[in-house]
C-alpha atoms as a PDB file:
ATOM      1  CA  UNK A   1       0.000   0.000   0.000  1.00  0.00           C
ATOM      2  CA  UNK A   2       1.063   3.579  -0.648  1.00  0.00           C
ATOM      3  CA  UNK A   3      -0.369   6.499   1.315  1.00  0.00           C
ATOM      4  CA  UNK A   4       0.399  10.186   1.673  1.00  0.00           C
ATOM      5  CA  UNK A   5      -1.113  13.641   1.265  1.00  0.00           C
ATOM      6  CA  UNK A   6      -1.927  15.181  -2.117  1.00  0.00           C
ATOM      7  CA  UNK A   7       1.282  16.049  -3.933  1.00  0.00           C
ATOM      8  CA  UNK A   8       3.358  13.496  -2.001  1.00  0.00           C
ATOM      9  CA  UNK A   9       4.311  11.577  -5.157  1.00  0.00           C
ATOM     10  CA  UNK A  10       1.860   8.664  -5.083  1.00  0.00           C
ATOM     11  CA  UNK A  11       0.709   9.021  -8.698  1.00  0.00           C
ATOM     12  CA  UNK A  12       4.291   9.629  -9.844  1.00  0.00           C
ATOM     13  CA  UNK A  13       5.325   6.392  -8.155  1.00  0.00           C
ATOM     14  CA  UNK A  14       2.495   4.552  -9.947  1.00  0.00           C
ATOM     15  CA  UNK A  15       3.601   5.996 -13.300  1.00  0.00           C
ATOM     16  CA  UNK A  16       7.195   4.904 -12.614  1.00  0.00           C
ATOM     17  CA  UNK A  17       6.117   1.368 -11.734  1.00  0.00           C
ATOM     18  CA  UNK A  18       3.922   1.131 -14.830  1.00  0.00           C
ATOM     19  CA  UNK A  19       6.757   2.362 -17.038  1.00  0.00           C
ATOM     20  CA  UNK A  20       4.850   5.492 -18.061  1.00  0.00           C
ATOM     21  CA  UNK A  21       7.571   7.756 -16.681  1.00  0.00           C
ATOM     22  CA  UNK A  22      11.345   7.459 -16.408  1.00  0.00           C
ATOM     23  CA  UNK A  23      13.138   8.089 -13.096  1.00  0.00           C
ATOM     24  CA  UNK A  24      15.109  11.340 -13.178  1.00  0.00           C
ATOM     25  CA  UNK A  25      17.852  10.463 -10.718  1.00  0.00           C
ATOM     26  CA  UNK A  26      18.110   6.785  -9.873  1.00  0.00           C
ATOM     27  CA  UNK A  27      16.437   3.703 -11.303  1.00  0.00           C
ATOM     28  CA  UNK A  28      13.699   1.233 -10.363  1.00  0.00           C
ATOM     29  CA  UNK A  29      14.065  -2.526 -10.159  1.00  0.00           C
ATOM     30  CA  UNK A  30      11.574  -5.314 -10.741  1.00  0.00           C
ATOM     31  CA  UNK A  31      12.743  -8.781  -9.710  1.00  0.00           C
ATOM     32  CA  UNK A  32      16.284  -7.402  -9.569  1.00  0.00           C
ATOM     33  CA  UNK A  33      16.201  -5.961 -13.102  1.00  0.00           C
ATOM     34  CA  UNK A  34      16.408  -2.265 -13.909  1.00  0.00           C
ATOM     35  CA  UNK A  35      12.996  -1.286 -15.338  1.00  0.00           C
ATOM     36  CA  UNK A  36      14.802   0.901 -17.876  1.00  0.00           C
ATOM     37  CA  UNK A  37      16.410  -2.231 -19.342  1.00  0.00           C
ATOM     38  CA  UNK A  38      13.161  -4.204 -19.645  1.00  0.00           C
ATOM     39  CA  UNK A  39      11.347  -4.374 -22.995  1.00  0.00           C
ATOM     40  CA  UNK A  40       8.288  -2.079 -22.684  1.00  0.00           C
ATOM     41  CA  UNK A  41       6.017  -4.354 -24.731  1.00  0.00           C
ATOM     42  CA  UNK A  42       6.928  -7.324 -22.528  1.00  0.00           C
ATOM     43  CA  UNK A  43       6.396  -5.260 -19.365  1.00  0.00           C
ATOM     44  CA  UNK A  44       3.032  -3.865 -20.525  1.00  0.00           C
ATOM     45  CA  UNK A  45       1.615  -7.394 -20.908  1.00  0.00           C
ATOM     46  CA  UNK A  46       2.446  -8.113 -17.275  1.00  0.00           C
ATOM     47  CA  UNK A  47       1.102  -5.011 -15.538  1.00  0.00           C
ATOM     48  CA  UNK A  48      -2.354  -3.457 -15.302  1.00  0.00           C
ATOM     49  CA  UNK A  49      -3.795  -0.355 -13.697  1.00  0.00           C
ATOM     50  CA  UNK A  50      -7.190   0.556 -12.292  1.00  0.00           C
ATOM     51  CA  UNK A  51      -7.615   4.315 -12.152  1.00  0.00           C
ATOM     52  CA  UNK A  52      -9.437   6.279  -9.493  1.00  0.00           C
ATOM     53  CA  UNK A  53     -12.318   7.063 -11.858  1.00  0.00           C
ATOM     54  CA  UNK A  54     -13.865   4.065 -13.556  1.00  0.00           C
ATOM     55  CA  UNK A  55     -13.907   4.970 -17.256  1.00  0.00           C
ATOM     56  CA  UNK A  56     -16.363   2.667 -18.980  1.00  0.00           C
ATOM     57  CA  UNK A  57     -17.412   2.348 -22.581  1.00  0.00           C
ATOM     58  CA  UNK A  58     -20.936   2.899 -23.778  1.00  0.00           C
ATOM     59  CA  UNK A  59     -21.610  -0.757 -24.499  1.00  0.00           C
ATOM     60  CA  UNK A  60     -22.085  -4.173 -22.947  1.00  0.00           C
ATOM     61  CA  UNK A  61     -20.491  -5.804 -19.929  1.00  0.00           C
ATOM     62  CA  UNK A  62     -18.404  -7.990 -22.273  1.00  0.00           C
ATOM     63  CA  UNK A  63     -17.267  -5.025 -24.390  1.00  0.00           C
ATOM     64  CA  UNK A  64     -16.136  -3.205 -21.262  1.00  0.00           C
ATOM     65  CA  UNK A  65     -14.121  -6.165 -20.037  1.00  0.00           C
ATOM     66  CA  UNK A  66     -12.567  -6.947 -23.440  1.00  0.00           C
ATOM     67  CA  UNK A  67     -11.755  -3.257 -23.973  1.00  0.00           C
ATOM     68  CA  UNK A  68     -10.719  -3.665 -27.642  1.00  0.00           C
ATOM     69  CA  UNK A  69      -8.693  -6.835 -26.963  1.00  0.00           C
ATOM     70  CA  UNK A  70      -9.443  -9.842 -29.117  1.00  0.00           C
ATOM     71  CA  UNK A  71      -9.464 -13.473 -28.054  1.00  0.00           C
ATOM     72  CA  UNK A  72     -10.840 -13.054 -24.532  1.00  0.00           C
ATOM     73  CA  UNK A  73     -13.232 -15.944 -23.880  1.00  0.00           C
ATOM     74  CA  UNK A  74     -16.448 -15.780 -21.859  1.00  0.00           C
ATOM     75  CA  UNK A  75     -14.974 -18.116 -19.238  1.00  0.00           C
ATOM     76  CA  UNK A  76     -12.045 -15.718 -18.769  1.00  0.00           C
ATOM     77  CA  UNK A  77     -14.423 -12.782 -18.362  1.00  0.00           C
ATOM     78  CA  UNK A  78     -16.498 -14.704 -15.829  1.00  0.00           C
ATOM     79  CA  UNK A  79     -13.361 -15.633 -13.877  1.00  0.00           C
ATOM     80  CA  UNK A  80     -12.282 -11.964 -13.778  1.00  0.00           C
ATOM     81  CA  UNK A  81     -15.779 -10.885 -12.719  1.00  0.00           C
ATOM     82  CA  UNK A  82     -15.735 -13.492  -9.943  1.00  0.00           C
ATOM     83  CA  UNK A  83     -12.387 -12.185  -8.682  1.00  0.00           C
ATOM     84  CA  UNK A  84     -13.846  -8.664  -8.746  1.00  0.00           C
ATOM     85  CA  UNK A  85     -16.933  -9.751  -6.742  1.00  0.00           C
ATOM     86  CA  UNK A  86     -19.216  -8.800  -9.618  1.00  0.00           C
ATOM     87  CA  UNK A  87     -20.149 -12.011 -11.461  1.00  0.00           C
ATOM     88  CA  UNK A  88     -23.404 -12.533  -9.551  1.00  0.00           C
ATOM     89  CA  UNK A  89     -24.574  -8.964 -10.280  1.00  0.00           C
ATOM     90  CA  UNK A  90     -23.708  -9.149 -13.991  1.00  0.00           C
ATOM     91  CA  UNK A  91     -25.360 -12.549 -14.492  1.00  0.00           C
ATOM     92  CA  UNK A  92     -28.569 -11.106 -13.003  1.00  0.00           C
ATOM     93  CA  UNK A  93     -28.771  -8.476 -15.745  1.00  0.00           C
ATOM     94  CA  UNK A  94     -31.394  -9.200 -18.460  1.00  0.00           C
ATOM     95  CA  UNK A  95     -28.826 -10.306 -21.067  1.00  0.00           C
ATOM     96  CA  UNK A  96     -25.989 -11.263 -18.713  1.00  0.00           C
ATOM     97  CA  UNK A  97     -22.601 -10.249 -20.117  1.00  0.00           C
ATOM     98  CA  UNK A  98     -24.340  -9.027 -23.286  1.00  0.00           C
ATOM     99  CA  UNK A  99     -26.399  -6.485 -21.322  1.00  0.00           C
ATOM    100  CA  UNK A 100     -25.959  -2.875 -22.398  1.00  0.00           C
ATOM    101  CA  UNK A 101     -24.782  -0.713 -19.487  1.00  0.00           C
ATOM    102  CA  UNK A 102     -26.016   2.659 -20.741  1.00  0.00           C
ATOM    103  CA  UNK A 103     -23.963   5.745 -21.479  1.00  0.00           C
ATOM    104  CA  UNK A 104     -20.501   5.091 -20.002  1.00  0.00           C
ATOM    105  CA  UNK A 105     -21.925   2.494 -17.607  1.00  0.00           C
ATOM    106  CA  UNK A 106     -24.634   4.776 -16.202  1.00  0.00           C
ATOM    107  CA  UNK A 107     -26.829   1.778 -15.298  1.00  0.00           C
ATOM    108  CA  UNK A 108     -24.277   0.598 -12.711  1.00  0.00           C
ATOM    109  CA  UNK A 109     -23.569   1.911  -9.233  1.00  0.00           C
ATOM    110  CA  UNK A 110     -20.203   3.533  -8.481  1.00  0.00           C
ATOM    111  CA  UNK A 111     -18.988   0.374  -6.749  1.00  0.00           C
ATOM    112  CA  UNK A 112     -20.088  -1.811  -9.658  1.00  0.00           C
ATOM    113  CA  UNK A 113     -18.321   0.462 -12.150  1.00  0.00           C
ATOM    114  CA  UNK A 114     -15.114   0.294 -10.122  1.00  0.00           C
ATOM    115  CA  UNK A 115     -15.314  -3.509  -9.811  1.00  0.00           C
ATOM    116  CA  UNK A 116     -15.959  -3.768 -13.568  1.00  0.00           C
ATOM    117  CA  UNK A 117     -12.755  -1.753 -14.101  1.00  0.00           C
ATOM    118  CA  UNK A 118     -10.964  -4.231 -11.837  1.00  0.00           C
ATOM    119  CA  UNK A 119     -12.359  -7.156 -13.862  1.00  0.00           C
ATOM    120  CA  UNK A 120     -11.134  -5.446 -17.064  1.00  0.00           C
ATOM    121  CA  UNK A 121      -7.632  -5.291 -15.597  1.00  0.00           C
ATOM    122  CA  UNK A 122      -7.734  -8.854 -14.257  1.00  0.00           C
ATOM    123  CA  UNK A 123      -8.874 -10.522 -17.470  1.00  0.00           C
ATOM    124  CA  UNK A 124      -5.364  -9.962 -18.859  1.00  0.00           C
ATOM    125  CA  UNK A 125      -3.946 -11.954 -15.908  1.00  0.00           C
ATOM    126  CA  UNK A 126      -1.404  -9.327 -14.826  1.00  0.00           C
ATOM    127  CA  UNK A 127       1.498 -10.201 -12.569  1.00  0.00           C
ATOM    128  CA  UNK A 128       1.362  -6.694 -11.107  1.00  0.00           C
ATOM    129  CA  UNK A 129      -1.818  -4.696 -10.551  1.00  0.00           C
ATOM    130  CA  UNK A 130      -1.702  -1.011  -9.584  1.00  0.00           C
ATOM    131  CA  UNK A 131      -4.893   0.383  -8.061  1.00  0.00           C
ATOM    132  CA  UNK A 132      -4.882   4.183  -7.859  1.00  0.00           C
ATOM    133  CA  UNK A 133      -7.405   5.363  -5.247  1.00  0.00           C
ATOM    134  CA  UNK A 134      -9.811   2.470  -5.978  1.00  0.00           C
ATOM    135  CA  UNK A 135     -12.276   3.356  -3.199  1.00  0.00           C
ATOM    136  CA  UNK A 136     -12.059   7.149  -2.933  1.00  0.00           C
ATOM    137  CA  UNK A 137     -15.535   7.864  -4.303  1.00  0.00           C
ATOM    138  CA  UNK A 138     -17.322   4.846  -2.826  1.00  0.00           C
ATOM    139  CA  UNK A 139     -19.647   4.395   0.125  1.00  0.00           C
ATOM    140  CA  UNK A 140     -18.656   2.058   2.967  1.00  0.00           C
ATOM    141  CA  UNK A 141     -20.446  -1.020   1.544  1.00  0.00           C
ATOM    142  CA  UNK A 142     -18.984  -0.552  -1.953  1.00  0.00           C
ATOM    143  CA  UNK A 143     -15.532  -0.011  -0.429  1.00  0.00           C
ATOM    144  CA  UNK A 144     -15.909  -3.316   1.427  1.00  0.00           C
ATOM    145  CA  UNK A 145     -16.770  -5.117  -1.848  1.00  0.00           C
ATOM    146  CA  UNK A 146     -13.735  -3.607  -3.574  1.00  0.00           C
ATOM    147  CA  UNK A 147     -11.464  -4.498  -0.632  1.00  0.00           C
ATOM    148  CA  UNK A 148     -12.767  -8.096  -0.778  1.00  0.00           C
ATOM    149  CA  UNK A 149     -11.983  -8.118  -4.504  1.00  0.00           C
ATOM    150  CA  UNK A 150      -8.447  -6.890  -3.880  1.00  0.00           C
ATOM    151  CA  UNK A 151      -7.950  -9.537  -1.208  1.00  0.00           C
ATOM    152  CA  UNK A 152      -8.887 -12.256  -3.735  1.00  0.00           C
ATOM    153  CA  UNK A 153      -6.511 -10.823  -6.359  1.00  0.00           C
ATOM    154  CA  UNK A 154      -3.502 -11.057  -4.047  1.00  0.00           C
ATOM    155  CA  UNK A 155      -3.396 -14.824  -4.590  1.00  0.00           C
ATOM    156  CA  UNK A 156      -2.526 -14.419  -8.279  1.00  0.00           C
ATOM    157  CA  UNK A 157      -0.781 -11.025  -8.617  1.00  0.00           C
ATOM    158  CA  UNK A 158       1.314  -8.509  -6.745  1.00  0.00           C
ATOM    159  CA  UNK A 159      -0.899  -5.564  -5.879  1.00  0.00           C
ATOM    160  CA  UNK A 160       0.018  -1.944  -5.209  1.00  0.00           C
ATOM    161  CA  UNK A 161      -2.821   0.118  -3.749  1.00  0.00           C
ATOM    162  CA  UNK A 162      -2.544   3.901  -3.657  1.00  0.00           C
ATOM    163  CA  UNK A 163      -4.949   5.531  -1.222  1.00  0.00           C
ATOM    164  CA  UNK A 164      -5.664   8.492   1.030  1.00  0.00           C
ATOM    165  CA  UNK A 165      -7.558   6.415   3.616  1.00  0.00           C
ATOM    166  CA  UNK A 166      -5.755   3.940   5.848  1.00  0.00           C
ATOM    167  CA  UNK A 167      -8.908   1.750   5.917  1.00  0.00           C
ATOM    168  CA  UNK A 168      -8.350   0.940   2.233  1.00  0.00           C
ATOM    169  CA  UNK A 169      -4.820  -0.282   2.989  1.00  0.00           C
ATOM    170  CA  UNK A 170      -5.555  -2.481   6.004  1.00  0.00           C
ATOM    171  CA  UNK A 171      -5.421  -5.589   3.776  1.00  0.00           C
ATOM    172  CA  UNK A 172      -1.868  -4.768   2.649  1.00  0.00           C
ATOM    173  CA  UNK A 173       1.184  -6.656   3.889  1.00  0.00           C
ATOM    174  CA  UNK A 174       3.253  -3.464   3.969  1.00  0.00           C
ATOM    175  CA  UNK A 175       2.466   0.234   3.676  1.00  0.00           C
ATOM    176  CA  UNK A 176       4.759   2.905   2.264  1.00  0.00           C
ATOM    177  CA  UNK A 177       4.139   6.451   3.515  1.00  0.00           C
ATOM    178  CA  UNK A 178       5.187   9.232   1.146  1.00  0.00           C
ATOM    179  CA  UNK A 179       5.553  12.913   1.921  1.00  0.00           C
ATOM    180  CA  UNK A 180       7.003  15.487  -0.493  1.00  0.00           C
ATOM    181  CA  UNK A 181       8.457  12.747  -2.694  1.00  0.00           C
ATOM    182  CA  UNK A 182      10.238  11.027   0.188  1.00  0.00           C
ATOM    183  CA  UNK A 183       9.562   7.788   2.042  1.00  0.00           C
ATOM    184  CA  UNK A 184       8.858   8.637   5.677  1.00  0.00           C
ATOM    185  CA  UNK A 185       7.533   5.245   6.765  1.00  0.00           C
ATOM    186  CA  UNK A 186       7.405   1.634   5.643  1.00  0.00           C
ATOM    187  CA  UNK A 187       5.969  -1.137   7.804  1.00  0.00           C
ATOM    188  CA  UNK A 188       2.973  -3.372   8.460  1.00  0.00           C
ATOM    189  CA  UNK A 189      -0.446  -1.726   8.886  1.00  0.00           C
ATOM    190  CA  UNK A 190      -0.508  -2.738  12.576  1.00  0.00           C
ATOM    191  CA  UNK A 191       2.907  -1.190  13.255  1.00  0.00           C
ATOM    192  CA  UNK A 192       1.973   2.049  11.471  1.00  0.00           C
ATOM    193  CA  UNK A 193      -1.299   2.475  13.382  1.00  0.00           C
END
């Protein structure tokens, strides 16, 4: 987990990890390798991001999960939806995964939209998943669903969660506290409380 005030460097750290930005002074390592030396195409197939705002397409559940990627089977979509705690809700829709979600997913709640974004990221089976403020605009119940989803994901991928609220990070093994671009704390959630 990564936490800190606005402007602390949380989003910059996410961009560095995703390979969207180059470090200016030092370098970053993944499994002992300098990220600058890793093939970007190879890296991009192994990482995924879920942004703070769930940006959905005007289309069906399936179209939103596939997100212009070919060859994704229904069973893979259902597995990703299950991991995101959303399969039951989507199967209850009139046409299941072929149900139209309205303009940019307007027929879904905020929590459902966020979990659909998580399913979209998971269907590619990433080894690293970066979640940038995944619960910031959600009510307590929706946040609990998303946290349960994240807990399930940890079995198959490394997860970095960026948040403002400590409650979102309680499921993390370790939490990194940033302030003004510097690490001021790194420990277990219990030790940091």
